[in-house]
């Protein structure tokens, strides 16, 4: 079985390499010649632990190739995965489906043998049904092609493991032939015990966005409660620990702080909000609106806390920002809360220095007016306040006593709830945290 993968961004590159690791011949295709050239040379154009080594390994086997010839990939492959982006429209919260439609059309028009088109991109419910109509009018006569939906559940920083050892495989809109083919594609994970959920197209489309919406809601819930804790003199971290012991709730995603960002959660919940309104499901749309507003409000809260810590103004004050990526173990700065806060403080006249172990280059490309350091110690030196905005282990394990010696004024705002207030205060730091007591 030959597998083509359309799109070699974060999802597509990881999927192509992983399919080769599972033993298939794979061709990854993209219109971006630079991206294709880099991958063909064994260079991953983004940071993802474990992927560079796996890419080199699979290129060496000869099973994995990359190309810009989208039409040839359609003629060559038996199973065609659509892994292109669905960014937010510039004029609304709706998802831009242009890339999905273009890739699907290219496959359908150029098929020379029976095939299966597998959607992995995150799309609004109802998209797959429209694509089936599109395919029906483009497929050459005598060629049989089916479209199904197989949503992705990758976590940045753990994408390889999530692909090779997924916690579930969802197949939407299959028939006997296509389900058998997909079970062959995922024979390895299935043999390990990964459950397979076979369902209809709309349910499969909704699984990914619903999962993201639930996680976003959980994050915004604890951030809303953090505000109550601050007003009442309670500690949201201890509260979250207590809540997490309830197996119905769990501790994951209950860290009060700066909130979520990245290329998926924000745009996916907004796309679901938009689609819910279109379908007349107004309660879901209203809930997601609140989740989004709470999340964005956390950034304003951290800015306000910084202003308060510096006496009401940040003008000409030196501020250290630890973190640029939207989360640890990635260099992704799309909709990064950390950089959003850093840029806002810069616009208020602060001298902002940013350090991130992996995202320095991507941050500099997006926010060139900020200053960047090559280490946490360099970033902290001479600052009036330190903001811990991305919870890298390198930051949570810093020595507060050593850092206190290089800061002009040892003040720190822990916007991720990962530092021990007692330890930092004992080292001479003025410590503040979201949803935590002031002393």
Protein backbone atom coordinates (compact mmCIF):
# COMPACT_ATOMS: atom_id res chain seq x y z
CA UNK A 1 0.00 0.00 0.00
CA UNK A 2 1.33 3.42 -1.03
CA UNK A 3 0.40 6.45 1.05
CA UNK A 4 0.48 10.08 -0.06
CA UNK A 5 0.32 12.86 2.51
CA UNK A 6 -0.84 16.28 1.33
CA UNK A 7 0.67 19.03 3.44
CA UNK A 8 4.04 18.85 5.17
CA UNK A 9 3.45 21.25 8.02
CA UNK A 10 3.35 20.14 11.62
CA UNK A 11 0.62 17.53 11.10
CA UNK A 12 1.61 16.35 7.63
CA UNK A 13 5.34 15.98 8.22
CA UNK A 14 4.77 14.04 11.43
CA UNK A 15 2.15 11.83 9.79
CA UNK A 16 4.29 11.09 6.74
CA UNK A 17 7.31 10.09 8.80
CA UNK A 18 5.17 7.99 11.15
CA UNK A 19 3.43 6.15 8.31
CA UNK A 20 6.86 5.23 6.95
CA UNK A 21 7.84 4.03 10.42
CA UNK A 22 4.78 1.75 10.32
CA UNK A 23 6.21 0.15 7.18
CA UNK A 24 4.46 1.89 4.28
CA UNK A 25 5.84 3.59 1.19
CA UNK A 26 5.06 7.27 1.73
CA UNK A 27 5.24 10.41 -0.40
CA UNK A 28 4.81 13.73 1.39
CA UNK A 29 3.80 16.54 -0.96
CA UNK A 30 3.50 20.30 -0.55
CA UNK A 31 3.42 23.46 -2.67
CA UNK A 32 6.16 24.97 -0.46
CA UNK A 33 9.38 24.00 -2.25
CA UNK A 34 11.62 25.15 0.62
CA UNK A 35 9.76 23.00 3.14
CA UNK A 36 9.91 19.98 0.83
CA UNK A 37 13.63 20.48 0.18
CA UNK A 38 14.37 20.72 3.90
CA UNK A 39 12.47 17.53 4.73
CA UNK A 40 14.06 15.67 1.80
CA UNK A 41 17.45 16.69 3.20
CA UNK A 42 16.54 15.33 6.63
CA UNK A 43 15.83 18.69 8.28
CA UNK A 44 12.58 19.25 10.18
CA UNK A 45 11.57 22.95 9.75
CA UNK A 46 10.15 23.14 13.28
CA UNK A 47 11.03 21.83 16.72
CA UNK A 48 9.44 18.52 17.68
CA UNK A 49 11.22 16.05 19.98
CA UNK A 50 12.04 12.73 18.31
CA UNK A 51 10.95 13.72 14.81
CA UNK A 52 14.38 14.63 13.32
CA UNK A 53 15.83 11.25 14.26
CA UNK A 54 12.82 9.39 12.87
CA UNK A 55 12.92 11.43 9.65
CA UNK A 56 16.57 10.55 9.02
CA UNK A 57 15.88 6.90 9.77
CA UNK A 58 12.98 6.65 7.32
CA UNK A 59 14.72 8.59 4.55
CA UNK A 60 17.54 6.08 4.81
CA UNK A 61 15.13 3.16 4.29
CA UNK A 62 13.98 4.60 0.97
CA UNK A 63 10.33 4.23 1.99
CA UNK A 64 9.89 7.98 2.55
CA UNK A 65 10.14 10.66 -0.13
CA UNK A 66 9.00 14.27 -0.48
CA UNK A 67 7.85 16.11 -3.59
CA UNK A 68 6.16 19.24 -4.92
CA UNK A 69 4.38 17.23 -7.63
CA UNK A 70 0.87 17.01 -6.22
CA UNK A 71 -0.58 15.45 -9.35
CA UNK A 72 2.01 12.66 -9.44
CA UNK A 73 1.31 11.85 -5.80
CA UNK A 74 -2.37 11.38 -6.66
CA UNK A 75 -1.49 8.98 -9.47
CA UNK A 76 1.06 7.14 -7.31
CA UNK A 77 -0.77 6.62 -4.03
CA UNK A 78 -3.50 4.25 -2.88
CA UNK A 79 -4.46 6.12 0.31
CA UNK A 80 -4.30 9.91 0.29
CA UNK A 81 -4.19 11.77 3.61
CA UNK A 82 -5.28 15.42 3.61
CA UNK A 83 -3.17 17.14 6.29
CA UNK A 84 -3.28 20.79 5.21
CA UNK A 85 -4.07 23.74 7.43
CA UNK A 86 -7.48 25.23 8.21
CA UNK A 87 -6.56 28.70 9.53
CA UNK A 88 -9.10 31.19 10.79
CA UNK A 89 -10.60 33.42 8.11
CA UNK A 90 -9.35 37.00 8.17
CA UNK A 91 -12.88 38.37 8.13
CA UNK A 92 -14.63 36.09 10.63
CA UNK A 93 -14.19 33.24 13.14
CA UNK A 94 -14.93 30.70 10.38
CA UNK A 95 -12.27 28.21 9.25
CA UNK A 96 -10.62 28.81 5.89
CA UNK A 97 -11.25 25.58 3.97
CA UNK A 98 -9.51 26.66 0.77
CA UNK A 99 -6.44 24.46 1.34
CA UNK A 100 -8.54 21.39 2.15
CA UNK A 101 -10.71 21.87 -0.91
CA UNK A 102 -7.70 22.44 -3.18
CA UNK A 103 -5.83 19.35 -1.96
CA UNK A 104 -8.92 17.13 -2.18
CA UNK A 105 -9.70 18.40 -5.69
CA UNK A 106 -6.13 17.75 -6.83
CA UNK A 107 -6.30 14.15 -5.66
CA UNK A 108 -9.73 13.50 -7.18
CA UNK A 109 -8.88 14.95 -10.61
CA UNK A 110 -5.60 13.06 -10.98
CA UNK A 111 -6.52 9.56 -9.78
CA UNK A 112 -5.70 6.79 -12.25
CA UNK A 113 -6.73 3.90 -9.98
CA UNK A 114 -9.16 3.26 -7.16
CA UNK A 115 -8.25 5.08 -3.96
CA UNK A 116 -9.26 6.41 -0.58
CA UNK A 117 -9.10 10.06 0.46
CA UNK A 118 -8.65 10.43 4.22
CA UNK A 119 -9.28 13.78 5.84
CA UNK A 120 -7.15 14.51 8.91
CA UNK A 121 -7.39 18.30 8.93
CA UNK A 122 -9.61 19.87 11.58
CA UNK A 123 -12.74 21.09 9.79
CA UNK A 124 -16.23 22.39 10.67
CA UNK A 125 -18.93 19.75 10.79
CA UNK A 126 -20.52 19.32 7.37
CA UNK A 127 -17.29 19.85 5.43
CA UNK A 128 -16.78 16.18 4.52
CA UNK A 129 -20.27 15.85 3.04
CA UNK A 130 -19.56 18.82 0.77
CA UNK A 131 -16.20 17.36 -0.22
CA UNK A 132 -17.89 14.12 -1.25
CA UNK A 133 -20.06 16.11 -3.65
CA UNK A 134 -16.97 17.90 -4.94
CA UNK A 135 -15.13 14.63 -5.51
CA UNK A 136 -18.06 13.07 -7.37
CA UNK A 137 -17.84 15.74 -10.04
CA UNK A 138 -14.06 15.56 -10.47
CA UNK A 139 -13.07 11.89 -10.37
CA UNK A 140 -12.23 10.36 -13.78
CA UNK A 141 -14.74 7.89 -15.15
CA UNK A 142 -14.11 4.28 -14.14
CA UNK A 143 -12.15 5.22 -10.98
CA UNK A 144 -13.65 4.41 -7.58
CA UNK A 145 -12.79 6.76 -4.74
CA UNK A 146 -14.22 7.09 -1.22
CA UNK A 147 -13.72 9.86 1.30
CA UNK A 148 -13.68 9.31 5.06
CA UNK A 149 -12.61 11.37 8.06
CA UNK A 150 -9.86 10.36 10.48
CA UNK A 151 -9.24 13.33 12.81
CA UNK A 152 -5.83 13.95 14.33
CA UNK A 153 -5.16 14.32 18.06
CA UNK A 154 -1.54 15.44 18.11
CA UNK A 155 -0.06 17.29 21.05
CA UNK A 156 2.88 19.49 20.19
CA UNK A 157 5.92 18.10 21.94
CA UNK A 158 4.49 14.57 21.87
CA UNK A 159 3.36 14.31 18.25
CA UNK A 160 5.41 11.27 17.23
CA UNK A 161 4.18 9.17 20.12
CA UNK A 162 0.61 10.38 19.58
CA UNK A 163 0.77 9.19 15.94
CA UNK A 164 2.47 5.85 16.50
CA UNK A 165 0.65 5.06 19.76
CA UNK A 166 -2.64 7.01 19.69
CA UNK A 167 -5.13 6.84 22.54
CA UNK A 168 -7.95 6.31 19.99
CA UNK A 169 -8.49 6.04 16.25
CA UNK A 170 -11.66 7.62 14.90
CA UNK A 171 -12.94 6.59 11.46
CA UNK A 172 -15.92 8.50 10.12
CA UNK A 173 -17.95 7.67 7.03
CA UNK A 174 -16.38 4.31 6.22
CA UNK A 175 -17.81 1.36 4.30
CA UNK A 176 -16.62 -2.25 4.46
CA UNK A 177 -13.84 -1.62 1.92
CA UNK A 178 -12.47 1.59 3.41
CA UNK A 179 -12.71 0.40 7.01
CA UNK A 180 -10.64 -2.67 6.08
CA UNK A 181 -8.04 -0.45 4.40
CA UNK A 182 -7.81 1.87 7.42
CA UNK A 183 -7.47 -1.05 9.80
CA UNK A 184 -4.53 -2.19 7.67
CA UNK A 185 -3.00 1.31 7.79
CA UNK A 186 -3.28 1.36 11.59
CA UNK A 187 -2.60 -2.34 12.14
CA UNK A 188 0.37 -1.57 14.39
CA UNK A 189 -1.44 0.67 16.90
CA UNK A 190 -4.54 -1.55 16.79
CA UNK A 191 -2.41 -4.58 17.68
CA UNK A 192 -1.18 -2.64 20.73
CA UNK A 193 -4.75 -2.21 21.89
CA UNK A 194 -5.63 1.24 20.59
CA UNK A 195 -9.45 1.43 20.43
CA UNK A 196 -11.10 2.13 17.08
CA UNK A 197 -14.25 4.26 17.00
CA UNK A 198 -16.21 3.80 13.76
CA UNK A 199 -18.87 6.44 13.22
CA UNK A 200 -20.51 8.76 10.70
CA UNK A 201 -18.88 11.77 9.06
CA UNK A 202 -20.42 14.54 11.23
CA UNK A 203 -19.49 12.82 14.49
CA UNK A 204 -15.92 12.24 13.34
CA UNK A 205 -15.59 15.90 12.33
CA UNK A 206 -16.89 17.01 15.73
CA UNK A 207 -14.64 14.77 17.86
CA UNK A 208 -11.47 16.85 17.48
CA UNK A 209 -13.05 20.27 17.89
CA UNK A 210 -15.14 19.03 20.82
CA UNK A 211 -12.03 17.66 22.53
CA UNK A 212 -10.25 20.98 22.08
CA UNK A 213 -13.32 22.88 23.25
CA UNK A 214 -13.53 20.77 26.40
CA UNK A 215 -9.87 21.27 27.25
CA UNK A 216 -10.18 25.00 26.62
CA UNK A 217 -13.25 25.12 28.85
CA UNK A 218 -11.40 23.33 31.65
CA UNK A 219 -8.53 25.82 31.42
CA UNK A 220 -10.86 28.81 31.43
CA UNK A 221 -12.85 27.35 34.33
CA UNK A 222 -9.84 27.17 36.64
CA UNK A 223 -8.72 30.62 35.51
CA UNK A 224 -12.14 32.03 36.41
CA UNK A 225 -11.92 30.32 39.82
CA UNK A 226 -8.42 31.82 40.22
CA UNK A 227 -10.09 35.22 40.26
CA UNK A 228 -12.34 34.07 43.10
CA UNK A 229 -9.29 32.75 44.98
CA UNK A 230 -7.50 36.09 44.66
CA UNK A 231 -10.56 37.95 45.97
CA UNK A 232 -11.06 35.51 48.86
CA UNK A 233 -7.43 35.00 49.85
CA UNK A 234 -7.38 31.35 48.75
CA UNK A 235 -4.69 29.42 46.83
CA UNK A 236 -5.86 28.13 43.44
CA UNK A 237 -2.95 25.68 43.14
CA UNK A 238 -3.89 23.80 46.32
CA UNK A 239 -7.54 24.00 45.28
CA UNK A 240 -6.73 22.47 41.89
CA UNK A 241 -4.75 19.68 43.56
CA UNK A 242 -7.76 18.87 45.71
CA UNK A 243 -10.13 18.94 42.73
CA UNK A 244 -7.78 16.73 40.73
CA UNK A 245 -8.16 13.83 43.16
CA UNK A 246 -11.73 13.47 41.92
CA UNK A 247 -11.44 10.95 39.08
CA UNK A 248 -14.35 12.64 37.31
CA UNK A 249 -12.33 15.85 37.09
CA UNK A 250 -8.62 14.97 37.02
CA UNK A 251 -5.65 17.28 37.56
CA UNK A 252 -4.55 17.81 33.94
CA UNK A 253 -5.40 21.20 32.40
CA UNK A 254 -6.31 22.60 35.83
CA UNK A 255 -3.30 24.91 36.13
CA UNK A 256 -4.44 28.49 36.57
CA UNK A 257 -2.34 30.92 34.61
CA UNK A 258 -1.86 32.79 31.37
CA UNK A 259 -4.24 30.54 29.43
CA UNK A 260 -4.02 28.69 26.15
CA UNK A 261 -2.67 29.73 22.77
CA UNK A 262 -1.08 28.06 19.78
CA UNK A 263 -2.29 27.22 16.32
CA UNK A 264 -5.13 24.89 17.32
CA UNK A 265 -7.17 25.62 20.45
CA UNK A 266 -7.96 29.31 19.82
CA UNK A 267 -8.89 28.98 16.15
CA UNK A 268 -10.68 25.65 16.64
CA UNK A 269 -12.98 26.88 19.40
CA UNK A 270 -13.74 30.01 17.39
CA UNK A 271 -14.53 27.93 14.31
CA UNK A 272 -16.81 25.71 16.41
CA UNK A 273 -18.45 28.82 17.85
CA UNK A 274 -19.07 30.13 14.33
CA UNK A 275 -20.42 26.81 13.07
CA UNK A 276 -22.62 26.39 16.16
CA UNK A 277 -24.23 29.74 15.44
CA UNK A 278 -24.79 28.72 11.82
CA UNK A 279 -26.54 25.55 12.98
CA UNK A 280 -28.65 27.38 15.57
CA UNK A 281 -26.84 25.72 18.51
CA UNK A 282 -26.64 29.01 20.38
CA UNK A 283 -25.92 27.62 23.86
CA UNK A 284 -22.71 25.99 22.64
CA UNK A 285 -21.71 29.21 20.90
CA UNK A 286 -22.39 31.26 24.05
CA UNK A 287 -20.35 28.89 26.20
CA UNK A 288 -17.39 29.02 23.83
CA UNK A 289 -17.61 32.81 23.67
CA UNK A 290 -17.18 32.93 27.45
CA UNK A 291 -14.29 30.45 27.32
CA UNK A 292 -12.52 32.61 24.74
CA UNK A 293 -13.13 35.84 26.67
CA UNK A 294 -11.87 34.38 29.96
CA UNK A 295 -8.77 33.09 28.21
CA UNK A 296 -7.91 36.41 26.59
CA UNK A 297 -8.64 38.20 29.86
CA UNK A 298 -5.82 36.30 31.56
CA UNK A 299 -3.30 38.10 29.38
CA UNK A 300 -4.70 41.44 30.50
CA UNK A 301 -4.56 40.26 34.11
CA UNK A 302 -0.83 39.50 33.86
CA UNK A 303 -0.20 42.90 32.28
CA UNK A 304 -2.13 44.53 35.13
CA UNK A 305 -0.17 42.54 37.73
CA UNK A 306 3.09 43.70 36.14
CA UNK A 307 1.95 47.32 36.23
CA UNK A 308 0.94 46.95 39.90
CA UNK A 309 4.28 45.34 40.81
CA UNK A 310 6.10 48.32 39.29
CA UNK A 311 4.02 51.02 40.93
CA UNK A 312 1.50 51.63 38.14
CA UNK A 313 3.79 52.20 35.15
CA UNK A 314 6.25 50.09 33.14
CA UNK A 315 7.71 53.05 31.23
CA UNK A 316 11.49 52.57 30.90
CA UNK A 317 11.42 49.65 33.34
CA UNK A 318 13.39 46.52 32.48
CA UNK A 319 11.22 43.39 32.23
CA UNK A 320 12.41 39.82 31.74
CA UNK A 321 10.01 37.43 29.99
CA UNK A 322 10.83 33.76 30.41
CA UNK A 323 9.14 31.95 27.55
CA UNK A 324 8.04 32.75 24.00
CA UNK A 325 6.47 29.51 22.77
CA UNK A 326 2.79 29.03 23.59
CA UNK A 327 3.74 25.89 25.57
CA UNK A 328 6.91 23.91 26.41
CA UNK A 329 8.55 21.42 24.02
CA UNK A 330 7.77 23.43 20.88
CA UNK A 331 9.05 26.46 18.99
CA UNK A 332 5.51 27.39 17.94
CA UNK A 333 4.69 31.02 18.74
CA UNK A 334 1.31 31.22 16.98
CA UNK A 335 -1.07 33.15 19.23
CA UNK A 336 1.46 32.82 22.04
CA UNK A 337 0.15 34.34 25.29
CA UNK A 338 3.74 34.94 26.39
CA UNK A 339 4.65 37.01 23.35
CA UNK A 340 1.30 38.78 23.44
CA UNK A 341 2.06 39.98 26.97
CA UNK A 342 5.67 40.84 26.09
CA UNK A 343 4.59 42.92 23.08
CA UNK A 344 1.87 44.71 25.07
CA UNK A 345 4.37 45.71 27.77
CA UNK A 346 6.82 46.85 25.10
CA UNK A 347 4.13 49.11 23.63
CA UNK A 348 3.64 50.63 27.09
CA UNK A 349 7.28 51.71 27.10
CA UNK A 350 8.96 48.82 28.90
CA UNK A 351 12.36 47.44 27.93
CA UNK A 352 11.45 43.79 27.42
CA UNK A 353 13.99 40.98 27.12
CA UNK A 354 12.74 37.51 26.14
CA UNK A 355 14.39 34.13 26.52
CA UNK A 356 13.06 30.77 25.31
CA UNK A 357 15.12 27.56 24.96
CA UNK A 358 13.73 26.74 21.49
CA UNK A 359 11.47 29.52 20.21
CA UNK A 360 13.92 32.43 20.13
CA UNK A 361 14.28 32.47 16.35
CA UNK A 362 10.58 32.07 15.59
CA UNK A 363 9.75 34.73 18.19
CA UNK A 364 12.27 37.16 16.73
CA UNK A 365 10.79 36.67 13.26
CA UNK A 366 7.32 37.59 14.55
CA UNK A 367 8.32 40.26 17.10
CA UNK A 368 11.65 41.75 15.96
CA UNK A 369 11.28 44.88 18.13
CA UNK A 370 11.66 42.90 21.36
CA UNK A 371 15.10 42.11 22.80
CA UNK A 372 16.25 38.50 23.10
CA UNK A 373 18.71 36.82 25.44
CA UNK A 374 20.66 33.58 25.04
CA UNK A 375 20.05 32.32 28.57
CA UNK A 376 17.67 32.81 31.48
CA UNK A 377 20.44 34.36 33.55
CA UNK A 378 21.22 36.90 30.82
CA UNK A 379 17.53 37.77 30.51
CA UNK A 380 17.13 38.30 34.28
CA UNK A 381 20.26 40.44 34.68
CA UNK A 382 19.42 44.03 35.60
CA UNK A 383 15.64 43.59 35.43
CA UNK A 384 12.96 45.15 37.59
CA UNK A 385 10.53 42.23 37.31
CA UNK A 386 10.65 38.69 35.92
CA UNK A 387 7.60 37.12 34.24
CA UNK A 388 7.52 33.32 33.99
CA UNK A 389 5.16 32.87 31.02
CA UNK A 390 6.01 29.46 29.51
CA UNK A 391 6.55 26.55 31.89
CA UNK A 392 9.73 25.05 30.45
CA UNK A 393 11.51 22.74 32.91
CA UNK A 394 14.57 24.96 32.50
CA UNK A 395 12.57 27.74 34.16
CA UNK A 396 10.79 25.77 36.87
CA UNK A 397 14.17 24.40 38.03
CA UNK A 398 15.99 27.76 38.17
CA UNK A 399 17.92 28.66 41.33
CA UNK A 400 16.10 31.68 42.83
CA UNK A 401 19.00 32.57 45.13
CA UNK A 402 21.45 32.78 42.23
CA UNK A 403 19.03 34.82 40.10
CA UNK A 404 18.34 37.25 42.93
CA UNK A 405 21.97 38.35 42.78
CA UNK A 406 21.71 39.55 39.14
CA UNK A 407 18.24 41.15 39.18
CA UNK A 408 18.05 44.86 39.95
CA UNK A 409 14.86 44.26 41.94
CA UNK A 410 14.02 40.60 42.67
CA UNK A 411 10.34 40.53 41.74
CA UNK A 412 8.73 37.60 39.93
CA UNK A 413 5.25 36.94 38.57
CA UNK A 414 4.58 33.23 38.05
CA UNK A 415 1.89 33.21 35.37
CA UNK A 416 1.89 29.43 35.02
CA UNK A 417 1.55 28.30 38.64
CA UNK A 418 4.66 26.10 38.53
CA UNK A 419 6.99 27.78 41.03
CA UNK A 420 7.14 27.31 44.81
CA UNK A 421 6.30 30.69 46.39
CA UNK A 422 7.98 29.80 49.70
CA UNK A 423 11.25 28.89 47.98
CA UNK A 424 11.37 32.11 45.96
CA UNK A 425 10.36 34.32 48.88
CA UNK A 426 13.00 32.69 51.06
CA UNK A 427 15.57 33.65 48.41
CA UNK A 428 14.53 37.30 48.69
CA UNK A 429 12.02 37.55 45.85
CA UNK A 430 8.76 39.45 45.88
CA UNK A 431 6.51 36.69 44.53
CA UNK A 432 3.13 37.03 42.82
CA UNK A 433 1.02 34.42 41.09
CA UNK A 434 -2.39 34.16 39.47
CA UNK A 435 -4.94 32.93 42.01
CA UNK A 436 -2.39 32.73 44.81
CA UNK A 437 -2.13 34.58 48.08
CA UNK A 438 0.16 37.60 48.17
CA UNK A 439 2.14 36.38 51.17
